[in-house]
N, C-alpha and C. Protein backbone atom coordinates (compact mmCIF):
# COMPACT_ATOMS: atom_id res chain seq x y z
N MET A 1 -43.64 -67.90 32.90
CA MET A 1 -43.52 -68.43 34.22
C MET A 1 -42.61 -67.47 34.69
N SER A 2 -42.21 -66.64 36.18
CA SER A 2 -41.43 -65.86 36.82
C SER A 2 -40.28 -67.31 36.46
N GLU A 3 -38.94 -66.19 36.94
CA GLU A 3 -37.77 -66.29 37.26
C GLU A 3 -37.24 -67.74 38.53
N HIS A 4 -38.64 -67.35 38.76
CA HIS A 4 -38.61 -67.85 39.91
C HIS A 4 -38.83 -69.26 40.07
N GLN A 5 -39.74 -69.28 39.65
CA GLN A 5 -40.33 -70.36 39.55
C GLN A 5 -39.83 -71.30 38.61
N GLU A 6 -39.03 -70.64 37.13
CA GLU A 6 -38.21 -71.08 36.12
C GLU A 6 -37.09 -72.03 37.58
N THR A 7 -36.64 -71.10 38.90
CA THR A 7 -34.91 -71.78 39.02
C THR A 7 -36.23 -72.88 39.82
N GLN A 8 -36.86 -73.23 40.73
CA GLN A 8 -36.92 -74.42 41.23
C GLN A 8 -37.73 -75.16 40.75
N ALA A 9 -37.73 -74.89 39.17
CA ALA A 9 -37.84 -75.68 38.27
C ALA A 9 -36.54 -76.42 37.36
N ASP A 10 -35.54 -75.89 38.01
CA ASP A 10 -34.25 -76.78 37.09
C ASP A 10 -33.62 -77.06 38.52
N ALA A 11 -33.89 -76.53 39.61
CA ALA A 11 -33.36 -76.88 41.09
C ALA A 11 -34.02 -78.42 40.66
N ALA A 12 -35.18 -78.48 41.13
CA ALA A 12 -35.95 -79.81 41.10
C ALA A 12 -35.04 -81.90 39.76
N ARG A 13 -35.36 -80.82 38.66
CA ARG A 13 -35.04 -81.00 37.43
C ARG A 13 -32.70 -82.69 38.01
N GLU A 14 -32.05 -80.55 38.79
CA GLU A 14 -31.26 -81.65 38.61
C GLU A 14 -31.40 -81.79 40.36
N ARG A 15 -31.91 -82.20 41.32
CA ARG A 15 -32.35 -83.01 42.17
C ARG A 15 -32.82 -84.53 41.98
N GLY A 16 -32.34 -84.34 40.44
CA GLY A 16 -33.98 -85.70 40.65
C GLY A 16 -34.61 -86.36 41.05
N THR A 17 -35.14 -87.78 40.56
CA THR A 17 -36.89 -88.07 40.75
C THR A 17 -35.70 -89.23 41.86
N ARG A 18 -37.46 -88.74 43.11
CA ARG A 18 -36.83 -89.67 43.78
C ARG A 18 -36.90 -91.20 43.88
N LYS A 19 -36.16 -92.68 44.82
CA LYS A 19 -36.44 -94.36 44.34
C LYS A 19 -37.98 -94.39 44.61
N VAL A 20 -37.75 -95.12 43.75
CA VAL A 20 -39.45 -95.77 43.54
C VAL A 20 -39.26 -97.59 43.27
N LEU A 21 -39.68 -98.63 45.14
CA LEU A 21 -39.67 -99.62 44.91
C LEU A 21 -40.92 -99.90 45.18
N ARG A 22 -40.48 -101.32 44.30
CA ARG A 22 -42.21 -102.16 44.60
C ARG A 22 -41.89 -103.46 45.61
N GLY A 23 -42.52 -103.51 46.30
CA GLY A 23 -43.03 -105.37 47.12
C GLY A 23 -44.17 -104.94 47.65
N THR A 24 -43.86 -106.62 49.02
CA THR A 24 -44.98 -106.82 49.36
C THR A 24 -44.71 -106.47 51.13
N VAL A 25 -46.49 -106.15 51.00
CA VAL A 25 -46.55 -106.20 52.40
C VAL A 25 -47.17 -106.41 53.55
N ILE A 26 -45.71 -107.34 54.80
CA ILE A 26 -46.17 -107.72 55.45
C ILE A 26 -46.46 -106.98 57.06
N GLY A 27 -46.37 -106.45 57.03
CA GLY A 27 -47.07 -106.00 58.44
C GLY A 27 -47.46 -104.91 58.63
N THR A 28 -48.40 -104.69 59.08
CA THR A 28 -48.94 -103.30 59.02
C THR A 28 -49.96 -103.45 61.07
N ALA A 29 -48.81 -103.64 61.69
CA ALA A 29 -50.04 -103.41 63.19
C ALA A 29 -49.57 -102.48 63.55
N MET A 30 -49.42 -101.22 63.05
CA MET A 30 -48.41 -100.11 63.45
C MET A 30 -49.51 -99.33 63.14
N ALA A 31 -50.37 -98.04 63.40
CA ALA A 31 -50.95 -96.86 63.56
C ALA A 31 -50.07 -96.04 62.25
N LYS A 32 -51.31 -96.19 61.26
CA LYS A 32 -50.08 -95.11 60.30
C LYS A 32 -48.82 -95.93 59.11
N THR A 33 -48.99 -96.29 59.61
CA THR A 33 -47.45 -97.40 59.54
C THR A 33 -47.13 -98.48 58.56
N ILE A 34 -46.66 -99.53 57.55
CA ILE A 34 -46.51 -100.49 56.55
C ILE A 34 -45.41 -101.15 57.04
N VAL A 35 -45.20 -101.96 56.79
CA VAL A 35 -43.70 -103.10 56.66
C VAL A 35 -43.94 -103.76 54.98
N VAL A 36 -43.02 -103.14 55.37
CA VAL A 36 -42.52 -103.89 52.48
C VAL A 36 -41.77 -104.23 52.88
N ARG A 37 -41.75 -105.88 52.28
CA ARG A 37 -40.47 -106.46 51.96
C ARG A 37 -40.45 -105.78 50.46
N VAL A 38 -38.97 -105.51 49.97
CA VAL A 38 -38.89 -105.49 48.99
C VAL A 38 -37.51 -106.75 48.34
N GLU A 39 -37.37 -107.29 47.68
CA GLU A 39 -37.16 -108.45 46.98
C GLU A 39 -36.34 -108.21 45.93
N HIS A 40 -34.39 -108.39 45.36
CA HIS A 40 -34.61 -108.27 44.12
C HIS A 40 -33.35 -109.96 43.54
N VAL A 41 -33.07 -109.89 42.96
CA VAL A 41 -32.02 -111.22 41.95
C VAL A 41 -30.99 -110.94 41.60
N THR A 42 -29.82 -111.05 42.21
CA THR A 42 -28.54 -110.60 42.10
C THR A 42 -27.52 -111.71 41.93
N ARG A 43 -26.46 -112.12 41.18
CA ARG A 43 -25.48 -112.57 41.01
C ARG A 43 -24.52 -113.32 41.85
N HIS A 44 -24.39 -114.49 42.26
CA HIS A 44 -22.86 -114.38 43.28
C HIS A 44 -21.48 -113.92 42.29
N PRO A 45 -20.76 -112.71 42.77
CA PRO A 45 -19.65 -112.08 41.58
C PRO A 45 -19.14 -113.08 41.71
N LEU A 46 -18.70 -114.30 42.43
CA LEU A 46 -17.21 -115.45 42.21
C LEU A 46 -17.90 -116.38 41.42
N TYR A 47 -19.12 -117.23 41.95
CA TYR A 47 -19.58 -118.34 42.65
C TYR A 47 -20.68 -118.11 41.65
N LYS A 48 -20.98 -117.10 41.20
CA LYS A 48 -22.58 -117.04 39.95
C LYS A 48 -23.45 -117.55 40.36
N LYS A 49 -23.77 -118.03 41.79
CA LYS A 49 -25.34 -118.37 41.95
C LYS A 49 -26.18 -117.14 41.56
N THR A 50 -26.66 -117.47 41.54
CA THR A 50 -28.17 -116.14 42.01
C THR A 50 -28.38 -116.15 43.40
N LEU A 51 -29.05 -115.53 43.88
CA LEU A 51 -29.14 -115.16 45.35
C LEU A 51 -30.85 -114.40 45.13
N ARG A 52 -31.52 -114.49 45.71
CA ARG A 52 -32.97 -114.01 45.94
C ARG A 52 -32.92 -112.37 47.10
N MET A 53 -31.90 -111.43 47.39
CA MET A 53 -31.91 -110.41 48.52
C MET A 53 -33.27 -109.95 48.98
N ARG A 54 -33.93 -109.93 50.23
CA ARG A 54 -35.09 -109.35 50.60
C ARG A 54 -34.54 -108.22 50.96
N ARG A 55 -34.98 -107.17 51.49
CA ARG A 55 -35.24 -106.16 52.77
C ARG A 55 -36.29 -105.73 53.39
N LYS A 56 -36.36 -105.21 54.34
CA LYS A 56 -37.25 -104.90 55.09
C LYS A 56 -37.66 -103.25 54.75
N PHE A 57 -39.05 -102.39 54.24
CA PHE A 57 -38.95 -100.80 54.55
C PHE A 57 -40.45 -100.69 55.62
N TYR A 58 -39.99 -99.69 56.09
CA TYR A 58 -41.36 -98.81 57.00
C TYR A 58 -41.36 -97.75 56.32
N ALA A 59 -42.68 -97.64 55.24
CA ALA A 59 -43.93 -96.34 55.15
C ALA A 59 -44.42 -96.62 55.08
N HIS A 60 -45.07 -94.86 55.54
CA HIS A 60 -46.21 -94.29 55.26
C HIS A 60 -46.68 -94.52 54.30
N ASP A 61 -48.68 -94.66 55.56
CA ASP A 61 -49.25 -94.79 55.06
C ASP A 61 -50.92 -94.44 55.71
N GLU A 62 -51.25 -92.95 54.89
CA GLU A 62 -51.50 -92.04 56.02
C GLU A 62 -53.25 -92.87 55.32
N ALA A 63 -53.90 -93.46 54.78
CA ALA A 63 -54.99 -93.99 54.65
C ALA A 63 -55.30 -94.83 55.24
N GLU A 64 -54.14 -96.05 55.62
CA GLU A 64 -53.93 -97.09 56.27
C GLU A 64 -55.23 -97.84 55.38
N GLN A 65 -54.05 -97.71 53.43
CA GLN A 65 -55.43 -98.82 52.80
C GLN A 65 -55.05 -99.64 52.23
N ALA A 66 -53.76 -99.80 52.96
CA ALA A 66 -52.98 -101.89 51.76
C ALA A 66 -53.19 -102.50 53.41
N LYS A 67 -53.28 -103.89 52.87
CA LYS A 67 -53.76 -104.76 53.43
C LYS A 67 -52.30 -105.69 53.55
N VAL A 68 -52.15 -106.54 54.28
CA VAL A 68 -50.73 -107.80 54.11
C VAL A 68 -50.66 -107.82 52.89
N GLY A 69 -50.12 -108.48 52.48
CA GLY A 69 -49.95 -109.01 50.67
C GLY A 69 -49.96 -108.62 49.91
N ASP A 70 -50.85 -107.23 49.65
CA ASP A 70 -50.98 -105.89 48.96
C ASP A 70 -49.48 -106.10 48.32
N LYS A 71 -49.27 -105.89 46.80
CA LYS A 71 -48.11 -105.63 46.39
C LYS A 71 -48.08 -104.09 45.91
N VAL A 72 -46.88 -103.33 47.02
CA VAL A 72 -47.31 -101.82 46.66
C VAL A 72 -46.15 -100.90 46.08
N GLU A 73 -46.07 -100.22 45.74
CA GLU A 73 -45.48 -98.37 45.69
C GLU A 73 -44.72 -97.50 46.47
N ILE A 74 -43.50 -97.54 46.19
CA ILE A 74 -43.61 -97.27 47.49
C ILE A 74 -42.01 -95.73 46.41
N MET A 75 -42.21 -94.88 48.11
CA MET A 75 -41.61 -93.97 47.31
C MET A 75 -40.55 -93.49 48.70
N GLY A 76 -39.24 -93.21 48.21
CA GLY A 76 -39.12 -92.30 49.30
C GLY A 76 -39.23 -90.80 49.57
N THR A 77 -38.70 -90.35 50.57
CA THR A 77 -38.70 -88.72 51.61
C THR A 77 -38.21 -89.16 52.35
N ARG A 78 -38.74 -87.88 52.91
CA ARG A 78 -37.86 -86.73 54.42
C ARG A 78 -38.09 -87.96 55.05
N PRO A 79 -37.37 -88.28 56.53
CA PRO A 79 -37.23 -88.69 57.98
C PRO A 79 -38.37 -88.20 58.18
N LEU A 80 -39.62 -89.59 58.48
CA LEU A 80 -41.04 -88.83 59.19
C LEU A 80 -40.73 -88.95 60.93
N SER A 81 -39.84 -90.52 61.11
CA SER A 81 -39.29 -90.87 62.94
C SER A 81 -38.17 -92.16 62.40
N LYS A 82 -37.62 -92.31 63.00
CA LYS A 82 -36.58 -93.29 62.73
C LYS A 82 -36.60 -94.24 61.98
N LEU A 83 -37.50 -95.87 62.45
CA LEU A 83 -37.43 -95.82 60.42
C LEU A 83 -38.07 -95.53 59.91
N LYS A 84 -39.28 -94.75 59.79
CA LYS A 84 -39.67 -94.57 58.34
C LYS A 84 -38.77 -93.24 57.39
N ARG A 85 -38.61 -94.10 56.37
CA ARG A 85 -38.00 -92.43 55.08
C ARG A 85 -38.63 -92.85 54.04
N TRP A 86 -39.71 -94.32 53.83
CA TRP A 86 -40.72 -94.25 53.30
C TRP A 86 -42.16 -93.55 52.81
N ARG A 87 -42.66 -93.56 51.76
CA ARG A 87 -44.75 -93.71 51.95
C ARG A 87 -44.84 -94.34 51.04
N LEU A 88 -46.43 -94.44 50.50
CA LEU A 88 -47.19 -95.83 49.99
C LEU A 88 -47.27 -93.91 49.05
N VAL A 89 -47.10 -95.02 47.51
CA VAL A 89 -47.73 -94.02 46.34
C VAL A 89 -48.76 -94.72 46.28
N LYS A 90 -49.04 -96.12 45.51
CA LYS A 90 -49.91 -96.54 45.54
C LYS A 90 -50.09 -98.83 45.59
N VAL A 91 -51.27 -98.66 45.37
CA VAL A 91 -51.22 -99.36 45.50
C VAL A 91 -51.09 -100.08 44.57
N LEU A 92 -51.26 -101.54 44.41
CA LEU A 92 -50.75 -102.71 42.43
C LEU A 92 -51.52 -103.18 42.68
N GLU A 93 -51.54 -103.81 43.66
CA GLU A 93 -52.07 -105.14 43.42
C GLU A 93 -53.21 -106.06 45.12
N ALA A 94 -53.71 -106.00 44.62
CA ALA A 94 -55.10 -106.16 46.35
C ALA A 94 -54.32 -107.22 46.92
N SER A 95 -53.64 -108.05 47.63
CA SER A 95 -54.32 -109.36 47.75
C SER A 95 -56.02 -110.59 47.93
N ALA A 96 -55.48 -110.95 47.91
CA ALA A 96 -56.56 -112.45 47.42
C ALA A 96 -57.59 -112.37 48.66
């Protein structure tokens, strides 16, 4: 391994890994774009009630393989458009 390759490998380790989220596809109307709803459960800091938080992410799907209802994994990437900052990694579970 050359010195340049070692420097690149060290830089990649320092940056860390990209964020990966899992969610459900709720929209496929746009070309090469899917809308993914990601849910997480948290507790209210004062009242201790369990809250289900939901958020929508626009993700790039180059092969247009995801369908509505699929469970998918998305990864953060450079900005691809005004709203798209994620890309599809894989379809975890296809809808029925």
